[in-house]
Amino acid sequence: MLRLAGKFLGSKSGSLIPIFAIGMIPIIAAVGLSVDYTSAVTDRGNMQDALDAATLAIMTLPTTTTLAARQQALSDQFTANNGQGTATLNSFTIAADGTASASTSASYSMPTSFMQVARISTVPIGVTSSVTKTPALVQATFKIDKASGWWNKTIYLWGTQFGATTAQKLMQISYTYNGAGDPKGYGTTTVYTVNGSQLTQVQQQVCSTSTVSNFKNAPAGSIQQTSGNKNYLTTCTMTPANSSGAVIDVSQMNSLYLEMDVPSGNPTVLKSNDPTKSNYLFIGATDTTAVEMPLGQAIDIFTAVPCGQQSTQAWEDGGSSVPEPITDADFFYNVTGKCDFNQRPSQTVLTQ
């Protein structure tokens, strides 16, 4: 058999060899098409992943970034993610409410291997990507409502900037008990904005408590308590009276959490991002509708601060066991959020 095959291939007198060679061309082309097609599918998938990653990346750039700089960032990110070809920023817009949208595309002329037999040297590959970024918290305003308890305590707002690993203090609210001995306990609460080591006082509430024979002439808004045969009358004064509280710019923050330190308490430190103590925090529309947060769930302050409306947050300082009703909480404040375009990547969603 082998001898016959050798004679067939070595034959110079017949015409079967040219016919055989010509017949092999479509077979080789078909095999080549399959190999090059598989390569194109792989390259297209890699390009799509690279373009999606690059498009998501440019959505975290500041609003002041020029289109040219954003295009360059898209190209750099596309290349860094092993994208082949050229990435193009087709559009980037920010709506009046802060919603950002971007549309991108990438193209690549893939060199072929086997398809060149059919004189096809390259195959065009194209991918597109579109993303939408919803508005997010850029400013949070904290305003003291009332604080109580026989234990001194301090609330802090901590934020970690984009690209940073260490949180910085953004706000401080300090409470000092007045020592009057009434059942709930009231005192002086001071609200500060914090810039590095500098504290700037923006609001202070001073609550004075005295014992009275009765509450007949109690001023409006006063707090009235009775314990045994004693009547306790507490009046609170806010300075300045029309203070908006602590207005905190969080537009450059990637994460936020609240902390309350209670040196005499147990536990002495409470954090909103600590799921083992999350039920010490109450959140709601008002101080009557605020509910205790579930245990085992870290609280994202970005979602806990509403956009364009006021809500109430409160803390239990550890003097009472939780769960408990909102009326037993110790530290009440109102918080309002302003939402707009934000650089946080978690707000970005691929739409194509």
Protein backbone atom coordinates (compact mmCIF):
# COMPACT_ATOMS: atom_id res chain seq x y z
CA MET A 1 0.00 0.00 0.00
CA LEU A 2 2.78 2.41 0.94
CA ARG A 3 4.59 1.50 -2.26
CA LEU A 4 1.52 2.38 -4.30
CA ALA A 5 1.10 5.71 -2.50
CA GLY A 6 4.72 6.56 -3.20
CA LYS A 7 4.32 5.78 -6.88
CA PHE A 8 1.17 7.88 -6.99
CA LEU A 9 2.85 10.91 -5.48
CA GLY A 10 5.97 10.46 -7.62
CA SER A 11 4.10 10.02 -10.85
CA LYS A 12 4.90 12.68 -13.49
CA SER A 13 2.75 11.36 -16.22
CA GLY A 14 -0.69 11.64 -14.67
CA SER A 15 -2.86 14.69 -13.90
CA LEU A 16 -4.16 13.60 -10.49
CA ILE A 17 -1.67 15.63 -8.42
CA PRO A 18 -2.84 19.06 -9.69
CA ILE A 19 -6.43 17.97 -9.31
CA PHE A 20 -5.74 16.76 -5.77
CA ALA A 21 -3.94 20.01 -4.88
CA ILE A 22 -6.75 22.12 -6.27
CA GLY A 23 -9.28 20.04 -4.36
CA MET A 24 -7.41 20.64 -1.10
CA ILE A 25 -7.73 24.45 -1.34
CA PRO A 26 -11.35 24.67 -0.13
CA ILE A 27 -10.62 22.13 2.60
CA ILE A 28 -7.65 24.17 3.85
CA ALA A 29 -9.68 27.35 3.54
CA ALA A 30 -12.50 25.81 5.59
CA VAL A 31 -10.09 24.66 8.30
CA GLY A 32 -8.39 28.05 8.26
CA LEU A 33 -11.71 29.83 8.52
CA SER A 34 -12.54 27.80 11.61
CA VAL A 35 -9.19 28.53 13.26
CA ASP A 36 -9.28 32.25 12.44
CA TYR A 37 -12.93 32.51 13.50
CA THR A 38 -12.12 30.97 16.89
CA SER A 39 -9.26 33.43 17.28
CA ALA A 40 -11.56 36.34 16.36
CA VAL A 41 -14.19 35.27 18.90
CA THR A 42 -11.51 35.09 21.63
CA ASP A 43 -10.09 38.49 20.69
CA ARG A 44 -13.56 40.03 20.61
CA GLY A 45 -14.36 38.71 24.10
CA ASN A 46 -11.09 40.10 25.46
CA MET A 47 -11.75 43.44 23.78
CA GLN A 48 -15.25 43.62 25.27
CA ASP A 49 -13.93 42.97 28.78
CA ALA A 50 -11.18 45.54 28.33
CA LEU A 51 -13.57 48.17 26.96
CA ASP A 52 -16.11 47.61 29.75
CA ALA A 53 -13.38 47.97 32.39
CA ALA A 54 -11.99 51.11 30.72
CA THR A 55 -15.43 52.70 30.39
CA LEU A 56 -16.22 52.06 34.04
CA ALA A 57 -12.85 53.56 35.00
CA ILE A 58 -13.39 56.90 33.25
CA MET A 59 -16.70 57.37 35.12
CA THR A 60 -14.79 57.94 38.36
CA LEU A 61 -12.86 60.92 36.99
CA PRO A 62 -13.82 64.41 38.27
CA THR A 63 -16.38 66.45 36.33
CA THR A 64 -13.63 68.95 35.49
CA THR A 65 -11.83 66.32 33.36
CA THR A 66 -11.76 67.40 29.71
CA LEU A 67 -13.08 65.11 26.98
CA ALA A 68 -9.56 64.82 25.59
CA ALA A 69 -8.19 63.73 28.97
CA ARG A 70 -11.10 61.32 29.43
CA GLN A 71 -10.40 59.86 25.95
CA GLN A 72 -6.75 59.40 26.86
CA ALA A 73 -7.71 57.70 30.12
CA LEU A 74 -10.05 55.39 28.20
CA SER A 75 -7.26 54.44 25.78
CA ASP A 76 -4.77 53.88 28.61
CA GLN A 77 -7.17 51.72 30.60
CA PHE A 78 -8.17 49.76 27.49
CA THR A 79 -4.52 48.98 26.74
CA ALA A 80 -3.77 48.18 30.39
CA ASN A 81 -6.58 45.62 30.33
CA ASN A 82 -5.04 43.91 27.26
CA GLY A 83 -7.48 45.39 24.78
CA GLN A 84 -6.35 45.25 21.16
CA GLY A 85 -7.04 47.98 18.66
CA THR A 86 -8.33 51.48 19.29
CA ALA A 87 -10.84 52.57 21.96
CA THR A 88 -12.99 55.64 21.27
CA LEU A 89 -15.10 57.76 23.61
CA ASN A 90 -18.23 58.44 21.56
CA SER A 91 -20.10 60.50 24.18
CA PHE A 92 -20.02 61.57 27.83
CA THR A 93 -22.78 63.62 29.45
CA ILE A 94 -23.87 64.67 32.93
CA ALA A 95 -27.57 65.51 33.32
CA ALA A 96 -28.93 68.27 35.54
CA ASP A 97 -29.68 65.78 38.33
CA GLY A 98 -26.11 64.45 38.27
CA THR A 99 -26.74 61.30 36.24
CA ALA A 100 -23.71 60.57 34.05
CA SER A 101 -23.74 58.51 30.86
CA ALA A 102 -20.99 57.38 28.52
CA SER A 103 -20.82 55.48 25.24
CA THR A 104 -17.61 53.93 23.92
CA SER A 105 -16.47 51.63 21.14
CA ALA A 106 -13.33 49.78 20.09
CA SER A 107 -12.17 48.42 16.74
CA TYR A 108 -9.37 46.09 15.70
CA SER A 109 -8.19 44.61 12.39
CA MET A 110 -7.18 41.10 13.40
CA PRO A 111 -4.48 39.55 11.18
CA THR A 112 -5.52 36.15 9.82
CA SER A 113 -3.41 33.04 9.48
CA PHE A 114 -5.09 30.44 7.26
CA MET A 115 -7.62 32.75 5.61
CA GLN A 116 -4.79 34.40 3.68
CA VAL A 117 -5.07 31.44 1.33
CA ALA A 118 -8.31 33.09 0.23
CA ARG A 119 -6.52 36.47 0.18
CA ILE A 120 -8.23 37.66 3.40
CA SER A 121 -5.38 39.17 5.42
CA THR A 122 -7.38 40.83 8.23
CA VAL A 123 -10.80 40.54 9.87
CA PRO A 124 -12.44 43.65 11.44
CA ILE A 125 -13.62 43.24 15.04
CA GLY A 126 -15.78 45.83 16.83
CA VAL A 127 -17.28 46.11 20.33
CA THR A 128 -19.31 48.78 22.13
CA SER A 129 -20.04 49.66 25.73
CA SER A 130 -22.46 52.03 27.48
CA VAL A 131 -22.68 52.92 31.17
CA THR A 132 -24.91 55.02 33.42
CA LYS A 133 -23.87 56.46 36.76
CA THR A 134 -26.64 57.50 39.13
CA PRO A 135 -26.31 60.54 41.43
CA ALA A 136 -24.85 59.82 44.86
CA LEU A 137 -24.21 61.59 48.14
CA VAL A 138 -21.81 64.53 47.79
CA GLN A 139 -22.75 66.51 50.91
CA ALA A 140 -24.13 65.52 54.31
CA THR A 141 -25.49 67.93 56.92
CA PHE A 142 -25.68 66.85 60.56
CA LYS A 143 -27.73 68.91 62.99
CA ILE A 144 -28.15 68.06 66.66
CA ASP A 145 -31.69 67.48 67.91
CA LYS A 146 -31.21 66.38 71.50
CA ALA A 147 -28.71 64.34 73.44
CA SER A 148 -29.22 62.74 76.81
CA GLY A 149 -27.71 60.36 79.31
CA TRP A 150 -25.48 60.47 82.35
CA TRP A 151 -22.48 59.41 80.28
CA ASN A 152 -20.34 61.82 78.28
CA LYS A 153 -19.98 60.74 74.64
CA THR A 154 -18.71 61.86 71.26
CA ILE A 155 -19.86 61.08 67.73
CA TYR A 156 -17.46 61.23 64.78
CA LEU A 157 -17.97 61.01 61.03
CA TRP A 158 -15.01 59.36 59.33
CA GLY A 159 -14.34 59.31 55.59
CA THR A 160 -11.74 57.65 53.38
CA GLN A 161 -10.83 59.49 50.19
CA PHE A 162 -10.50 57.85 46.78
CA GLY A 163 -7.15 56.14 46.56
CA ALA A 164 -6.47 56.47 50.30
CA THR A 165 -6.39 53.72 52.91
CA THR A 166 -6.62 55.78 56.10
CA ALA A 167 -9.90 57.38 57.23
CA GLN A 168 -9.93 61.03 58.22
CA LYS A 169 -12.19 62.75 60.74
CA LEU A 170 -14.80 64.98 59.09
CA MET A 171 -17.18 65.87 61.93
CA GLN A 172 -17.37 65.72 65.72
CA ILE A 173 -20.36 66.06 68.07
CA SER A 174 -19.45 66.13 71.78
CA TYR A 175 -21.88 65.72 74.67
CA THR A 176 -21.19 66.55 78.34
CA TYR A 177 -23.75 65.66 81.05
CA ASN A 178 -24.82 68.59 83.26
CA GLY A 179 -24.97 66.45 86.40
CA ALA A 180 -28.45 67.56 87.48
CA GLY A 181 -29.51 64.05 88.48
CA ASP A 182 -32.76 63.86 86.48
CA PRO A 183 -33.78 60.41 85.21
CA LYS A 184 -32.86 60.88 81.54
CA GLY A 185 -29.97 63.26 81.96
CA TYR A 186 -29.21 66.23 79.72
CA GLY A 187 -26.24 68.50 79.15
CA THR A 188 -24.25 70.45 76.58
CA THR A 189 -23.82 69.22 73.01
CA THR A 190 -21.36 70.88 70.62
CA VAL A 191 -21.11 70.24 66.88
CA TYR A 192 -17.84 70.78 65.01
CA THR A 193 -16.60 70.42 61.46
CA VAL A 194 -13.09 68.98 61.32
CA ASN A 195 -10.26 69.80 58.93
CA GLY A 196 -7.17 67.89 59.90
CA SER A 197 -6.52 68.85 63.52
CA GLN A 198 -8.66 71.99 63.36
CA LEU A 199 -12.14 71.93 64.91
CA THR A 200 -14.64 74.63 63.95
CA GLN A 201 -17.71 74.96 66.16
CA VAL A 202 -20.90 75.32 64.11
CA GLN A 203 -23.65 74.56 66.63
CA GLN A 204 -24.12 74.19 70.38
CA GLN A 205 -27.08 73.12 72.48
CA VAL A 206 -26.96 73.89 76.22
CA CYS A 207 -29.57 72.13 78.38
CA SER A 208 -30.09 73.30 81.98
CA THR A 209 -32.07 71.25 84.51
CA SER A 210 -33.62 72.36 87.80
CA THR A 211 -36.11 70.95 90.30
CA VAL A 212 -39.51 72.70 90.49
CA SER A 213 -42.61 72.26 92.62
CA ASN A 214 -44.80 71.82 89.53
CA PHE A 215 -44.83 72.34 85.77
CA LYS A 216 -47.61 74.97 85.63
CA ASN A 217 -45.41 77.72 84.19
CA ALA A 218 -43.09 75.47 82.20
CA PRO A 219 -41.91 77.16 78.97
CA ALA A 220 -42.92 75.73 75.63
CA GLY A 221 -40.56 73.04 74.41
CA SER A 222 -39.21 72.28 77.87
CA ILE A 223 -38.55 68.71 79.01
CA GLN A 224 -40.51 67.65 82.09
CA GLN A 225 -39.61 64.62 84.19
CA THR A 226 -40.77 63.29 87.53
CA SER A 227 -38.86 60.88 89.73
CA GLY A 228 -40.13 60.05 93.23
CA ASN A 229 -41.24 63.35 94.77
CA LYS A 230 -39.04 65.50 92.53
CA ASN A 231 -40.02 67.38 89.39
CA TYR A 232 -37.21 68.09 86.94
CA LEU A 233 -37.55 70.87 84.38
CA THR A 234 -35.04 71.02 81.52
CA THR A 235 -34.75 73.86 79.02
CA CYS A 236 -32.39 73.80 76.05
CA THR A 237 -30.94 76.72 74.10
CA MET A 238 -29.43 76.37 70.62
CA THR A 239 -26.61 78.66 69.46
CA PRO A 240 -26.85 79.96 66.84
CA ALA A 241 -30.60 79.54 66.80
CA ASN A 242 -30.75 79.13 63.02
CA SER A 243 -27.62 77.02 62.60
CA SER A 244 -27.74 74.49 59.79
CA GLY A 245 -25.34 72.25 61.68
CA ALA A 246 -22.23 70.58 60.30
CA VAL A 247 -22.19 70.70 56.50
CA ILE A 248 -19.72 68.07 55.30
CA ASP A 249 -18.35 67.73 51.76
CA VAL A 250 -18.15 63.99 51.06
CA SER A 251 -17.81 64.19 47.28
CA GLN A 252 -14.20 62.95 47.43
CA MET A 253 -14.97 60.13 49.86
CA ASN A 254 -15.09 56.50 48.82
CA SER A 255 -16.39 55.30 52.19
CA LEU A 256 -18.02 56.82 55.28
CA TYR A 257 -18.83 55.55 58.74
CA LEU A 258 -20.07 56.97 62.04
CA GLU A 259 -18.48 56.26 65.40
CA MET A 260 -19.70 56.96 68.94
CA ASP A 261 -17.23 56.80 71.82
CA VAL A 262 -18.71 56.31 75.30
CA PRO A 263 -15.81 56.02 77.78
CA SER A 264 -18.11 54.93 80.62
CA GLY A 265 -20.23 52.62 78.49
CA ASN A 266 -20.13 48.97 77.59
CA PRO A 267 -19.19 48.78 74.77
CA THR A 268 -17.07 51.92 74.81
CA VAL A 269 -16.86 52.27 71.01
CA LEU A 270 -19.72 51.88 68.53
CA LYS A 271 -19.30 52.05 64.74
CA SER A 272 -21.91 52.02 62.01
CA ASN A 273 -19.73 49.73 59.89
CA ASP A 274 -19.39 47.19 62.72
CA PRO A 275 -22.04 44.50 62.08
CA THR A 276 -21.67 43.16 65.62
CA LYS A 277 -23.07 46.41 67.08
CA SER A 278 -25.22 47.76 64.24
CA ASN A 279 -28.41 47.57 66.33
CA TYR A 280 -27.26 50.45 68.54
CA LEU A 281 -28.10 52.80 65.62
CA PHE A 282 -31.63 53.94 64.70
CA ILE A 283 -32.58 55.40 61.30
CA GLY A 284 -35.92 56.80 60.13
CA ALA A 285 -37.89 59.72 58.79
CA THR A 286 -38.61 61.19 62.26
CA ASP A 287 -37.74 60.49 65.87
CA THR A 288 -40.99 58.56 66.20
CA THR A 289 -40.56 56.44 63.07
CA ALA A 290 -36.83 55.72 63.33
CA VAL A 291 -36.21 52.00 63.72
CA GLU A 292 -33.37 50.04 65.20
CA MET A 293 -30.99 48.71 62.58
CA PRO A 294 -30.71 44.91 62.31
CA LEU A 295 -27.85 43.19 64.08
CA GLY A 296 -25.20 41.71 61.80
CA GLN A 297 -25.50 44.31 59.07
CA ALA A 298 -22.90 47.00 58.43
CA ILE A 299 -24.58 50.36 57.76
CA ASP A 300 -23.49 52.21 54.61
CA ILE A 301 -23.74 55.91 55.50
CA PHE A 302 -23.90 56.76 51.78
CA THR A 303 -27.27 54.99 51.65
CA ALA A 304 -28.32 55.95 55.19
CA VAL A 305 -28.30 59.68 54.36
CA PRO A 306 -31.26 60.52 52.08
CA CYS A 307 -30.98 62.81 49.08
CA GLY A 308 -32.77 66.15 49.42
CA GLN A 309 -34.75 65.32 52.53
CA GLN A 310 -34.23 65.22 56.28
CA SER A 311 -34.26 62.10 58.40
CA THR A 312 -33.49 61.23 61.99
CA GLN A 313 -30.69 59.09 63.30
CA ALA A 314 -30.20 58.12 66.93
CA TRP A 315 -27.81 56.07 69.04
CA GLU A 316 -28.19 54.03 72.17
CA ASP A 317 -25.08 54.74 74.24
CA GLY A 318 -25.01 51.33 75.93
CA GLY A 319 -26.72 52.33 79.17
CA SER A 320 -29.73 50.26 78.17
CA SER A 321 -29.81 46.87 76.51
CA VAL A 322 -30.87 46.52 72.88
CA PRO A 323 -33.24 45.86 71.23
CA GLU A 324 -35.21 48.79 72.64
CA PRO A 325 -37.78 51.37 71.50
CA ILE A 326 -36.57 54.57 69.85
CA THR A 327 -37.78 56.61 72.83
CA ASP A 328 -35.03 55.06 74.96
CA ALA A 329 -32.20 56.12 72.65
CA ASP A 330 -29.74 58.75 73.88
CA PHE A 331 -28.28 60.73 70.99
CA PHE A 332 -30.62 62.24 68.39
CA TYR A 333 -29.60 64.28 65.36
CA ASN A 334 -31.09 65.15 61.97
CA VAL A 335 -29.22 64.45 58.78
CA THR A 336 -29.84 65.67 55.23
CA GLY A 337 -28.03 64.68 52.06
CA LYS A 338 -27.31 66.43 48.79
CA CYS A 339 -26.79 64.14 45.80
CA ASP A 340 -25.07 64.85 42.51
CA PHE A 341 -22.42 63.31 40.27
CA ASN A 342 -20.06 61.34 42.49
CA GLN A 343 -16.78 59.59 41.74
CA ARG A 344 -17.67 56.43 43.67
CA PRO A 345 -17.40 53.44 41.28
CA SER A 346 -20.22 51.52 42.97
CA GLN A 347 -22.83 53.85 41.44
CA THR A 348 -21.89 52.88 37.86
CA VAL A 349 -23.93 50.30 35.92
CA LEU A 350 -23.18 48.79 32.50
CA THR A 351 -26.19 49.24 30.22
CA GLN A 352 -24.68 47.67 27.08
